[in-house]
Amino acid sequence: YIKDGISYSGRLKRKYEAALHEKGHHEESVTPIKEPPDIPSSSTCTVDTSAMQFVEAYIEKNNDRSIDWRHCFNTGVKQGFIKKYATKENLRVVYSRYKKRK
Protein backbone atom coordinates (compact mmCIF):
# COMPACT_ATOMS: atom_id res chain seq x y z
CA TYR A 1 0.00 0.00 0.00
CA ILE A 2 2.82 2.39 0.76
CA LYS A 3 4.36 2.08 -2.70
CA ASP A 4 0.94 2.53 -4.31
CA GLY A 5 0.33 5.62 -2.18
CA ILE A 6 3.68 7.12 -3.14
CA SER A 7 3.03 6.41 -6.81
CA TYR A 8 -0.47 7.90 -6.59
CA SER A 9 0.84 11.03 -4.86
CA GLY A 10 3.49 11.44 -7.55
CA ARG A 11 0.90 11.16 -10.33
CA LEU A 12 -1.34 13.73 -8.66
CA LYS A 13 1.58 16.09 -8.16
CA ARG A 14 2.56 15.91 -11.83
CA LYS A 15 -1.08 16.32 -12.92
CA TYR A 16 -1.72 19.42 -10.82
CA GLU A 17 1.67 20.99 -11.53
CA ALA A 18 0.94 20.65 -15.25
CA ALA A 19 -2.52 22.18 -14.76
CA LEU A 20 -1.06 25.12 -12.81
CA HIS A 21 1.54 25.87 -15.45
CA GLU A 22 -0.98 25.62 -18.30
CA LYS A 23 -3.29 28.19 -16.74
CA GLY A 24 -0.45 30.57 -15.91
CA HIS A 25 -0.80 30.27 -12.14
CA HIS A 26 2.20 31.03 -10.00
CA GLU A 27 3.33 28.56 -7.36
CA GLU A 28 3.62 31.41 -4.83
CA SER A 29 -0.16 31.73 -4.79
CA VAL A 30 -0.57 28.19 -3.48
CA THR A 31 -0.66 27.84 0.30
CA PRO A 32 1.75 25.09 1.38
CA ILE A 33 0.34 22.15 3.31
CA LYS A 34 1.68 21.70 6.82
CA GLU A 35 3.58 18.52 7.58
CA PRO A 36 1.64 16.03 9.70
CA PRO A 37 2.97 15.34 13.20
CA ASP A 38 5.39 12.46 13.67
CA ILE A 39 3.88 9.09 14.45
CA PRO A 40 4.69 8.17 18.05
CA SER A 41 6.45 4.89 18.61
CA SER A 42 4.56 2.07 20.26
CA SER A 43 6.80 2.44 23.31
CA THR A 44 5.10 5.73 24.14
CA CYS A 45 1.74 4.13 24.84
CA THR A 46 0.70 4.70 28.41
CA VAL A 47 -0.32 2.00 30.79
CA ASP A 48 -2.80 2.53 33.59
CA THR A 49 -0.40 1.83 36.45
CA SER A 50 -3.13 1.65 39.08
CA ALA A 51 -4.80 -1.14 37.09
CA MET A 52 -1.48 -2.98 36.71
CA GLN A 53 -0.80 -2.64 40.45
CA PHE A 54 -4.29 -3.95 41.16
CA VAL A 55 -3.68 -7.00 38.93
CA GLU A 56 -0.34 -7.68 40.65
CA ALA A 57 -1.99 -7.43 44.07
CA TYR A 58 -4.80 -9.71 42.87
CA ILE A 59 -2.26 -12.30 41.68
CA GLU A 60 -0.30 -12.09 44.92
CA LYS A 61 -3.49 -12.40 46.98
CA ASN A 62 -4.37 -15.59 45.07
CA ASN A 63 -0.93 -17.11 45.74
CA ASP A 64 0.16 -16.97 42.07
CA ARG A 65 -2.50 -19.49 41.01
CA SER A 66 -3.88 -19.21 37.50
CA ILE A 67 -5.70 -15.93 37.08
CA ASP A 68 -9.47 -15.78 36.74
CA TRP A 69 -9.41 -12.74 34.46
CA ARG A 70 -13.19 -12.28 34.56
CA HIS A 71 -13.20 -12.12 38.36
CA CYS A 72 -10.07 -9.95 38.42
CA PHE A 73 -11.58 -7.52 35.90
CA ASN A 74 -14.99 -7.33 37.59
CA THR A 75 -13.41 -6.83 41.03
CA GLY A 76 -11.10 -4.12 39.72
CA VAL A 77 -13.99 -2.29 38.06
CA LYS A 78 -16.12 -2.46 41.23
CA GLN A 79 -13.24 -1.16 43.36
CA GLY A 80 -12.50 1.64 40.88
CA PHE A 81 -9.00 0.53 39.84
CA ILE A 82 -9.91 -0.52 36.31
CA LYS A 83 -11.39 2.31 34.25
CA LYS A 84 -9.40 2.35 31.04
CA TYR A 85 -10.01 -1.22 29.84
CA ALA A 86 -13.31 -2.33 28.33
CA THR A 87 -12.96 -6.10 28.68
CA LYS A 88 -11.11 -8.72 30.67
CA GLU A 89 -9.26 -9.63 27.49
CA ASN A 90 -7.96 -6.05 27.06
CA LEU A 91 -6.74 -6.12 30.65
CA ARG A 92 -5.06 -9.50 30.20
CA VAL A 93 -3.21 -8.47 27.02
CA VAL A 94 -2.03 -5.14 28.46
CA TYR A 95 -0.90 -6.80 31.68
CA SER A 96 1.06 -9.45 29.74
CA ARG A 97 2.88 -6.73 27.79
CA TYR A 98 3.43 -4.71 30.95
CA LYS A 99 4.93 -7.73 32.69
CA LYS A 100 7.33 -8.39 29.78
CA ARG A 101 8.64 -4.80 29.93
CA LYS A 102 9.29 -4.95 33.66
C-alpha atoms as a PDB file:
ATOM      1  CA  TYR A   1       0.000   0.000   0.000  1.00  0.00           C
ATOM      2  CA  ILE A   2       2.822   2.394   0.761  1.00  0.00           C
ATOM      3  CA  LYS A   3       4.356   2.076  -2.702  1.00  0.00           C
ATOM      4  CA  ASP A   4       0.936   2.525  -4.309  1.00  0.00           C
ATOM      5  CA  GLY A   5       0.327   5.618  -2.184  1.00  0.00           C
ATOM      6  CA  ILE A   6       3.683   7.116  -3.143  1.00  0.00           C
ATOM      7  CA  SER A   7       3.032   6.405  -6.807  1.00  0.00           C
ATOM      8  CA  TYR A   8      -0.471   7.898  -6.586  1.00  0.00           C
ATOM      9  CA  SER A   9       0.838  11.030  -4.863  1.00  0.00           C
ATOM     10  CA  GLY A  10       3.486  11.440  -7.548  1.00  0.00           C
ATOM     11  CA  ARG A  11       0.901  11.161 -10.334  1.00  0.00           C
ATOM     12  CA  LEU A  12      -1.339  13.733  -8.663  1.00  0.00           C
ATOM     13  CA  LYS A  13       1.580  16.094  -8.158  1.00  0.00           C
ATOM     14  CA  ARG A  14       2.555  15.911 -11.828  1.00  0.00           C
ATOM     15  CA  LYS A  15      -1.077  16.318 -12.923  1.00  0.00           C
ATOM     16  CA  TYR A  16      -1.721  19.419 -10.823  1.00  0.00           C
ATOM     17  CA  GLU A  17       1.666  20.989 -11.530  1.00  0.00           C
ATOM     18  CA  ALA A  18       0.945  20.653 -15.247  1.00  0.00           C
ATOM     19  CA  ALA A  19      -2.517  22.182 -14.763  1.00  0.00           C
ATOM     20  CA  LEU A  20      -1.064  25.118 -12.808  1.00  0.00           C
ATOM     21  CA  HIS A  21       1.539  25.868 -15.451  1.00  0.00           C
ATOM     22  CA  GLU A  22      -0.980  25.615 -18.301  1.00  0.00           C
ATOM     23  CA  LYS A  23      -3.290  28.192 -16.741  1.00  0.00           C
ATOM     24  CA  GLY A  24      -0.453  30.574 -15.912  1.00  0.00           C
ATOM     25  CA  HIS A  25      -0.798  30.268 -12.136  1.00  0.00           C
ATOM     26  CA  HIS A  26       2.199  31.025  -9.996  1.00  0.00           C
ATOM     27  CA  GLU A  27       3.331  28.564  -7.356  1.00  0.00           C
ATOM     28  CA  GLU A  28       3.616  31.412  -4.832  1.00  0.00           C
ATOM     29  CA  SER A  29      -0.164  31.731  -4.790  1.00  0.00           C
ATOM     30  CA  VAL A  30      -0.571  28.186  -3.479  1.00  0.00           C
ATOM     31  CA  THR A  31      -0.657  27.840   0.303  1.00  0.00           C
ATOM     32  CA  PRO A  32       1.748  25.089   1.380  1.00  0.00           C
ATOM     33  CA  ILE A  33       0.335  22.148   3.306  1.00  0.00           C
ATOM     34  CA  LYS A  34       1.677  21.695   6.823  1.00  0.00           C
ATOM     35  CA  GLU A  35       3.582  18.516   7.578  1.00  0.00           C
ATOM     36  CA  PRO A  36       1.639  16.029   9.698  1.00  0.00           C
ATOM     37  CA  PRO A  37       2.972  15.339  13.199  1.00  0.00           C
ATOM     38  CA  ASP A  38       5.391  12.458  13.668  1.00  0.00           C
ATOM     39  CA  ILE A  39       3.875   9.090  14.451  1.00  0.00           C
ATOM     40  CA  PRO A  40       4.685   8.169  18.050  1.00  0.00           C
ATOM     41  CA  SER A  41       6.452   4.891  18.613  1.00  0.00           C
ATOM     42  CA  SER A  42       4.556   2.072  20.264  1.00  0.00           C
ATOM     43  CA  SER A  43       6.800   2.436  23.314  1.00  0.00           C
ATOM     44  CA  THR A  44       5.095   5.733  24.138  1.00  0.00           C
ATOM     45  CA  CYS A  45       1.741   4.126  24.845  1.00  0.00           C
ATOM     46  CA  THR A  46       0.703   4.704  28.410  1.00  0.00           C
ATOM     47  CA  VAL A  47      -0.317   1.999  30.794  1.00  0.00           C
ATOM     48  CA  ASP A  48      -2.798   2.527  33.589  1.00  0.00           C
ATOM     49  CA  THR A  49      -0.396   1.827  36.455  1.00  0.00           C
ATOM     50  CA  SER A  50      -3.128   1.651  39.084  1.00  0.00           C
ATOM     51  CA  ALA A  51      -4.805  -1.137  37.091  1.00  0.00           C
ATOM     52  CA  MET A  52      -1.482  -2.980  36.711  1.00  0.00           C
ATOM     53  CA  GLN A  53      -0.796  -2.642  40.449  1.00  0.00           C
ATOM     54  CA  PHE A  54      -4.285  -3.954  41.160  1.00  0.00           C
ATOM     55  CA  VAL A  55      -3.675  -7.001  38.931  1.00  0.00           C
ATOM     56  CA  GLU A  56      -0.339  -7.681  40.649  1.00  0.00           C
ATOM     57  CA  ALA A  57      -1.988  -7.432  44.072  1.00  0.00           C
ATOM     58  CA  TYR A  58      -4.797  -9.715  42.868  1.00  0.00           C
ATOM     59  CA  ILE A  59      -2.262 -12.302  41.677  1.00  0.00           C
ATOM     60  CA  GLU A  60      -0.296 -12.090  44.916  1.00  0.00           C
ATOM     61  CA  LYS A  61      -3.491 -12.405  46.977  1.00  0.00           C
ATOM     62  CA  ASN A  62      -4.373 -15.588  45.071  1.00  0.00           C
ATOM     63  CA  ASN A  63      -0.931 -17.110  45.736  1.00  0.00           C
ATOM     64  CA  ASP A  64       0.156 -16.966  42.067  1.00  0.00           C
ATOM     65  CA  ARG A  65      -2.501 -19.491  41.012  1.00  0.00           C
ATOM     66  CA  SER A  66      -3.875 -19.208  37.503  1.00  0.00           C
ATOM     67  CA  ILE A  67      -5.698 -15.932  37.084  1.00  0.00           C
ATOM     68  CA  ASP A  68      -9.465 -15.780  36.738  1.00  0.00           C
ATOM     69  CA  TRP A  69      -9.412 -12.737  34.456  1.00  0.00           C
ATOM     70  CA  ARG A  70     -13.190 -12.283  34.563  1.00  0.00           C
ATOM     71  CA  HIS A  71     -13.199 -12.124  38.365  1.00  0.00           C
ATOM     72  CA  CYS A  72     -10.067  -9.947  38.421  1.00  0.00           C
ATOM     73  CA  PHE A  73     -11.577  -7.517  35.897  1.00  0.00           C
ATOM     74  CA  ASN A  74     -14.988  -7.326  37.593  1.00  0.00           C
ATOM     75  CA  THR A  75     -13.413  -6.832  41.033  1.00  0.00           C
ATOM     76  CA  GLY A  76     -11.104  -4.121  39.715  1.00  0.00           C
ATOM     77  CA  VAL A  77     -13.993  -2.288  38.062  1.00  0.00           C
ATOM     78  CA  LYS A  78     -16.119  -2.457  41.229  1.00  0.00           C
ATOM     79  CA  GLN A  79     -13.237  -1.164  43.357  1.00  0.00           C
ATOM     80  CA  GLY A  80     -12.500   1.639  40.883  1.00  0.00           C
ATOM     81  CA  PHE A  81      -9.000   0.529  39.842  1.00  0.00           C
ATOM     82  CA  ILE A  82      -9.906  -0.518  36.310  1.00  0.00           C
ATOM     83  CA  LYS A  83     -11.389   2.306  34.254  1.00  0.00           C
ATOM     84  CA  LYS A  84      -9.403   2.348  31.040  1.00  0.00           C
ATOM     85  CA  TYR A  85     -10.007  -1.221  29.835  1.00  0.00           C
ATOM     86  CA  ALA A  86     -13.311  -2.332  28.328  1.00  0.00           C
ATOM     87  CA  THR A  87     -12.964  -6.104  28.681  1.00  0.00           C
ATOM     88  CA  LYS A  88     -11.113  -8.717  30.672  1.00  0.00           C
ATOM     89  CA  GLU A  89      -9.261  -9.628  27.486  1.00  0.00           C
ATOM     90  CA  ASN A  90      -7.958  -6.051  27.065  1.00  0.00           C
ATOM     91  CA  LEU A  91      -6.738  -6.118  30.646  1.00  0.00           C
ATOM     92  CA  ARG A  92      -5.056  -9.500  30.197  1.00  0.00           C
ATOM     93  CA  VAL A  93      -3.209  -8.466  27.023  1.00  0.00           C
ATOM     94  CA  VAL A  94      -2.029  -5.144  28.456  1.00  0.00           C
ATOM     95  CA  TYR A  95      -0.898  -6.804  31.681  1.00  0.00           C
ATOM     96  CA  SER A  96       1.058  -9.449  29.740  1.00  0.00           C
ATOM     97  CA  ARG A  97       2.882  -6.727  27.786  1.00  0.00           C
ATOM     98  CA  TYR A  98       3.433  -4.710  30.952  1.00  0.00           C
ATOM     99  CA  LYS A  99       4.926  -7.733  32.695  1.00  0.00           C
ATOM    100  CA  LYS A 100       7.330  -8.390  29.784  1.00  0.00           C
ATOM    101  CA  ARG A 101       8.636  -4.799  29.927  1.00  0.00           C
ATOM    102  CA  LYS A 102       9.289  -4.952  33.664  1.00  0.00           C
END
